Amino acid sequence: MAKYLVETYYNCSFKVTHYIDNVNEKELSNLEKRDDGKFEIIDIKLDNRKTKSLDKKGSTDKNQKEINQINLSEDKTRNQNTLNDDKKNFVKNIQEGVNRRFGMPDRRKGYIQKATIGDHKVYLHTGEYEDGKIGEIFIDTSKEGELVKALMNNFAIAISLGLQYGVPLDEFVNAYVDTKFEPSGKVFGNDRILSASSILDYIFRELAISYLNREDLAHTPSIGSNVEKIKDSELEVGEEQSQFLKIVKDITSKGFVRNNYKKKLVDLSDIRINLKGKK
């Protein structure tokens, strides 16, 4: 039997998925150095293949061509089957992710915002995932009949199910902001929203400000913008402080603090409290 050396060259298309907390220049510049990304092969193409005879005595050109054709056909079939399996698994994973509901944890974070629109009190309750993303809302109103209360409760359930199935909050905000119906008018009890054209307009303005940083929907500037802006160098923290900041994010409602973790942290390390009573 004659021996042959087959060299095969491939063109491979792939993607790497990373999860980052914040989108900034520092995170993006160090992204390629991280090794925690998810690697997925998109496509594989055969570029070139070279066959070299290792038989010292040599062989006829006819036998060599026949062997090359057999090897090429077998490898091409094998590569095509592997590629088809990868594509099927990839599509299956996408479909499972699209049709999957991400349930809320049993013990969850969130906040309650009370406000008055006209003569109607509105209580907005939110529930968050462990990473701080909103996953559910509850709406309670006063001075409303059973029909309106039932409709508002079921509307909140529908929004919550949409969020848990992956519908972006942006879509709900664009759909319901500026809707007009009574009660409407001045808003009391909310430091960022002064008026609303309806209860739904108020609710989704509040959610957009708290979870999407949509300052364009607020009527008053953020408290943090009135304070002198902190330089990027001052915001850089050490490893110990970064760990502490991560703990704060894990136990604090993202919507309640409106993402301003670093500006709202107070260092009490130098404060001493005397617990001794007077004699």
Protein backbone atom coordinates (compact mmCIF):
# COMPACT_ATOMS: atom_id res chain seq x y z
CA MET A 1 0.00 0.00 0.00
CA ALA A 2 1.20 3.45 -0.85
CA LYS A 3 1.24 6.05 1.95
CA TYR A 4 0.10 9.64 1.52
CA LEU A 5 0.19 12.82 3.60
CA VAL A 6 -2.97 14.96 3.35
CA GLU A 7 -2.88 18.61 4.49
CA THR A 8 -6.24 20.34 4.81
CA TYR A 9 -6.82 24.10 5.24
CA TYR A 10 -10.08 25.50 6.61
CA ASN A 11 -11.74 28.89 6.86
CA CYS A 12 -13.64 29.08 10.17
CA SER A 13 -16.16 31.72 11.17
CA PHE A 14 -16.85 31.93 14.89
CA LYS A 15 -18.07 34.32 17.57
CA VAL A 16 -17.21 34.83 21.23
CA THR A 17 -19.87 36.10 23.66
CA HIS A 18 -18.89 38.00 26.81
CA TYR A 19 -21.09 39.36 29.59
CA ILE A 20 -20.02 42.75 30.99
CA ASP A 21 -21.53 44.93 33.70
CA ASN A 22 -20.96 48.31 32.05
CA VAL A 23 -20.24 49.38 28.46
CA ASN A 24 -17.24 51.70 28.58
CA GLU A 25 -13.88 52.11 26.89
CA LYS A 26 -11.96 50.35 29.66
CA GLU A 27 -14.19 47.26 29.61
CA LEU A 28 -14.15 47.03 25.80
CA SER A 29 -10.35 47.44 25.56
CA ASN A 30 -9.78 44.53 27.97
CA LEU A 31 -12.49 42.34 26.45
CA GLU A 32 -10.21 40.31 24.18
CA LYS A 33 -7.93 39.43 27.11
CA ARG A 34 -10.71 37.73 29.04
CA ASP A 35 -10.99 33.95 28.84
CA ASP A 36 -14.54 33.60 30.17
CA GLY A 37 -16.28 34.06 26.84
CA LYS A 38 -18.64 31.58 25.23
CA PHE A 39 -17.16 30.25 21.95
CA GLU A 40 -19.54 29.28 19.12
CA ILE A 41 -18.64 28.06 15.61
CA ILE A 42 -20.81 29.65 12.91
CA ASP A 43 -19.44 28.17 9.67
CA ILE A 44 -16.56 26.00 8.43
CA LYS A 45 -15.42 25.95 4.79
CA LEU A 46 -12.80 23.79 3.09
CA ASP A 47 -10.22 26.13 1.58
CA ASN A 48 -7.53 23.91 0.13
CA ARG A 49 -6.17 20.41 0.42
CA LYS A 50 -2.77 19.10 -0.62
CA THR A 51 -1.83 15.42 -1.00
CA LYS A 52 1.77 14.26 -0.89
CA SER A 53 3.05 10.73 -1.59
CA LEU A 54 5.21 9.18 1.12
CA ASP A 55 5.86 5.97 -0.83
CA LYS A 56 9.57 5.72 -1.59
CA LYS A 57 9.01 3.54 -4.64
CA GLY A 58 6.40 5.91 -5.99
CA SER A 59 3.09 5.11 -7.55
CA THR A 60 1.30 5.76 -10.75
CA ASP A 61 -0.60 9.01 -11.29
CA LYS A 62 -3.81 7.08 -11.85
CA ASN A 63 -3.72 5.37 -8.44
CA GLN A 64 -2.81 8.62 -6.74
CA LYS A 65 -5.74 10.48 -8.32
CA GLU A 66 -8.16 7.72 -7.35
CA ILE A 67 -6.97 7.74 -3.74
CA ASN A 68 -7.12 11.53 -3.60
CA GLN A 69 -10.68 11.54 -4.92
CA ILE A 70 -11.76 8.92 -2.39
CA ASN A 71 -10.18 10.81 0.51
CA LEU A 72 -11.65 14.12 -0.61
CA SER A 73 -15.17 12.73 -0.96
CA GLU A 74 -15.02 11.01 2.44
CA ASP A 75 -13.67 14.07 4.24
CA LYS A 76 -16.13 16.38 2.50
CA THR A 77 -19.06 14.18 3.52
CA ARG A 78 -17.77 13.95 7.10
CA ASN A 79 -17.24 17.73 7.34
CA GLN A 80 -20.65 18.45 5.85
CA ASN A 81 -22.37 16.12 8.35
CA THR A 82 -20.48 17.73 11.25
CA LEU A 83 -21.39 21.21 10.03
CA ASN A 84 -25.06 20.25 9.66
CA ASP A 85 -25.10 18.84 13.20
CA ASP A 86 -23.52 22.03 14.56
CA LYS A 87 -26.09 24.18 12.76
CA LYS A 88 -28.97 22.04 14.01
CA ASN A 89 -27.72 22.25 17.60
CA PHE A 90 -27.18 25.99 17.26
CA VAL A 91 -30.72 26.56 15.94
CA LYS A 92 -32.13 24.29 18.64
CA ASN A 93 -30.36 26.25 21.37
CA ILE A 94 -31.68 29.53 19.96
CA GLN A 95 -35.23 28.22 19.83
CA GLU A 96 -35.00 26.91 23.38
CA GLY A 97 -33.71 30.28 24.56
CA VAL A 98 -36.42 32.24 22.74
CA ASN A 99 -39.26 30.08 24.04
CA ARG A 100 -37.93 29.88 27.58
CA ARG A 101 -39.38 31.77 30.51
CA PHE A 102 -36.84 33.01 33.03
CA GLY A 103 -38.66 32.73 36.33
CA MET A 104 -38.11 35.14 39.18
CA PRO A 105 -36.17 34.02 42.28
CA ASP A 106 -38.28 33.23 45.33
CA ARG A 107 -36.62 35.98 47.35
CA ARG A 108 -36.07 39.05 45.19
CA LYS A 109 -35.13 42.70 45.29
CA GLY A 110 -37.20 45.67 44.18
CA TYR A 111 -38.74 48.89 45.40
CA ILE A 112 -42.14 50.55 45.98
CA GLN A 113 -42.93 54.02 44.63
CA LYS A 114 -46.00 55.87 45.86
CA ALA A 115 -47.33 58.79 43.84
CA THR A 116 -50.54 60.77 43.40
CA ILE A 117 -51.96 61.63 39.98
CA GLY A 118 -54.90 64.00 40.37
CA ASP A 119 -56.82 62.54 43.31
CA HIS A 120 -55.70 58.97 42.62
CA LYS A 121 -52.93 57.24 44.53
CA VAL A 122 -50.76 54.81 42.57
CA TYR A 123 -48.40 52.28 44.15
CA LEU A 124 -45.81 50.76 41.81
CA HIS A 125 -44.06 47.59 43.04
CA THR A 126 -41.09 46.13 41.12
CA GLY A 127 -39.26 42.81 41.29
CA GLU A 128 -35.71 42.28 40.06
CA TYR A 129 -33.47 39.40 39.04
CA GLU A 130 -30.19 38.80 40.85
CA ASP A 131 -28.32 40.95 38.28
CA GLY A 132 -30.66 43.91 38.85
CA LYS A 133 -32.80 43.61 35.71
CA ILE A 134 -36.51 44.14 36.18
CA GLY A 135 -38.65 41.01 35.87
CA GLU A 136 -42.08 41.92 37.22
CA ILE A 137 -44.31 44.82 38.28
CA PHE A 138 -47.42 45.21 40.44
CA ILE A 139 -49.81 48.16 40.23
CA ASP A 140 -52.16 49.17 43.05
CA THR A 141 -54.57 52.09 42.77
CA SER A 142 -57.07 53.75 45.08
CA LYS A 143 -60.56 55.13 44.45
CA GLU A 144 -61.09 52.66 41.64
CA GLY A 145 -63.80 50.08 41.15
CA GLU A 146 -63.28 46.35 41.09
CA LEU A 147 -63.25 46.29 37.29
CA VAL A 148 -60.44 48.84 36.97
CA LYS A 149 -58.40 47.17 39.73
CA ALA A 150 -58.77 43.78 38.08
CA LEU A 151 -57.73 45.20 34.70
CA MET A 152 -54.67 46.92 36.19
CA ASN A 153 -53.62 43.75 38.05
CA ASN A 154 -53.92 41.61 34.94
CA PHE A 155 -52.16 44.26 32.86
CA ALA A 156 -49.23 44.12 35.32
CA ILE A 157 -49.18 40.31 35.04
CA ALA A 158 -49.04 40.56 31.23
CA ILE A 159 -46.13 43.01 31.38
CA SER A 160 -44.34 40.77 33.89
CA LEU A 161 -44.73 37.71 31.68
CA GLY A 162 -43.39 39.66 28.71
CA LEU A 163 -40.31 40.73 30.68
CA GLN A 164 -39.70 37.16 31.87
CA TYR A 165 -39.91 35.85 28.30
CA GLY A 166 -37.27 38.33 27.15
CA VAL A 167 -39.25 41.31 25.80
CA PRO A 168 -37.02 44.39 26.29
CA LEU A 169 -38.33 47.06 28.64
CA ASP A 170 -37.63 49.57 25.85
CA GLU A 171 -40.49 48.12 23.81
CA PHE A 172 -43.01 48.66 26.62
CA VAL A 173 -41.70 52.16 27.27
CA ASN A 174 -42.06 53.18 23.63
CA ALA A 175 -45.56 51.70 23.50
CA TYR A 176 -47.05 53.26 26.64
CA VAL A 177 -45.26 56.55 27.26
CA ASP A 178 -47.44 59.57 26.28
CA THR A 179 -50.68 57.55 26.33
CA LYS A 180 -53.54 59.85 27.34
CA PHE A 181 -56.53 59.08 29.54
CA GLU A 182 -57.83 60.07 32.96
CA PRO A 183 -56.59 60.39 35.64
CA SER A 184 -53.87 62.74 34.41
CA GLY A 185 -52.19 65.96 35.45
CA LYS A 186 -49.70 66.84 38.15
CA VAL A 187 -47.76 64.09 39.90
CA PHE A 188 -46.96 64.34 43.61
CA GLY A 189 -44.56 62.07 45.46
CA ASN A 190 -42.06 61.39 42.68
CA ASP A 191 -38.86 63.44 42.59
CA ARG A 192 -38.25 62.93 38.85
CA ILE A 193 -41.74 63.09 37.30
CA LEU A 194 -43.89 66.19 37.77
CA SER A 195 -46.79 65.43 35.43
CA ALA A 196 -48.24 62.53 33.46
CA SER A 197 -50.86 62.16 30.76
CA SER A 198 -52.11 58.88 32.28
CA ILE A 199 -51.25 56.24 34.87
CA LEU A 200 -49.47 54.15 32.22
CA ASP A 201 -47.48 57.18 31.08
CA TYR A 202 -46.34 57.75 34.67
CA ILE A 203 -45.51 54.07 35.33
CA PHE A 204 -43.34 53.55 32.28
CA ARG A 205 -41.60 56.89 32.69
CA GLU A 206 -40.64 55.80 36.20
CA LEU A 207 -39.42 52.39 34.98
CA ALA A 208 -37.46 53.94 32.11
CA ILE A 209 -35.70 56.39 34.43
CA SER A 210 -34.92 53.76 37.06
CA TYR A 211 -33.85 50.82 34.87
CA LEU A 212 -32.88 52.36 31.49
CA ASN A 213 -31.34 55.70 32.55
CA ARG A 214 -33.78 57.50 30.22
CA GLU A 215 -33.16 61.01 31.51
CA ASP A 216 -35.00 62.43 28.51
CA LEU A 217 -38.27 61.21 30.04
CA ALA A 218 -37.63 62.90 33.40
CA HIS A 219 -38.86 66.41 34.24
CA THR A 220 -36.19 67.19 36.83
CA PRO A 221 -32.44 66.66 36.56
CA SER A 222 -30.80 63.82 38.40
CA ILE A 223 -29.43 64.63 41.84
CA GLY A 224 -26.07 63.33 40.71
CA SER A 225 -25.91 65.84 37.83
CA ASN A 226 -26.22 68.80 40.22
CA VAL A 227 -23.12 67.67 42.10
CA GLU A 228 -19.70 68.31 40.57
CA LYS A 229 -18.90 65.48 38.18
CA ILE A 230 -16.45 62.95 39.51
CA LYS A 231 -13.38 62.30 37.38
CA ASP A 232 -12.84 58.85 35.97
CA SER A 233 -9.59 58.51 37.92
CA GLU A 234 -11.46 59.14 41.17
CA LEU A 235 -13.99 56.44 40.33
CA GLU A 236 -11.34 53.77 39.99
CA VAL A 237 -11.33 51.61 43.09
CA GLY A 238 -9.08 48.89 44.41
CA GLU A 239 -9.74 45.18 44.49
CA GLU A 240 -11.13 45.28 48.05
CA GLN A 241 -13.45 48.20 47.24
CA SER A 242 -14.54 46.53 44.01
CA GLN A 243 -15.55 43.46 45.97
CA PHE A 244 -17.47 45.64 48.39
CA LEU A 245 -19.18 47.44 45.50
CA LYS A 246 -20.19 44.09 44.01
CA ILE A 247 -21.76 43.08 47.34
CA VAL A 248 -23.69 46.36 47.41
CA LYS A 249 -25.00 45.72 43.91
CA ASP A 250 -26.07 42.20 44.87
CA ILE A 251 -28.13 43.30 47.87
CA THR A 252 -29.42 46.69 46.64
CA SER A 253 -32.29 47.32 44.27
CA LYS A 254 -30.95 48.71 41.01
CA GLY A 255 -34.17 50.60 40.37
CA PHE A 256 -34.19 52.15 43.84
CA VAL A 257 -30.71 53.70 43.62
CA ARG A 258 -31.07 54.34 39.84
CA ASN A 259 -27.60 52.86 39.09
CA ASN A 260 -25.72 55.52 41.09
CA TYR A 261 -23.97 53.05 43.36
CA LYS A 262 -20.63 54.80 43.57
CA LYS A 263 -22.09 58.29 44.13
CA LYS A 264 -24.45 57.10 46.86
CA LEU A 265 -21.92 55.06 48.84
CA VAL A 266 -20.80 56.69 52.10
CA ASP A 267 -17.47 55.74 53.68
CA LEU A 268 -18.00 55.25 57.43
CA SER A 269 -14.66 53.59 58.13
CA ASP A 270 -13.30 56.62 60.02
CA ILE A 271 -16.44 57.22 62.09
CA ARG A 272 -16.43 55.97 65.66
CA ILE A 273 -19.62 55.52 67.64
CA ASN A 274 -19.58 55.69 71.43
CA LEU A 275 -22.10 53.19 72.75
CA LYS A 276 -21.35 53.81 76.42
CA GLY A 277 -24.26 55.27 78.36
CA LYS A 278 -24.09 58.16 80.75
CA LYS A 279 -23.30 57.24 84.35
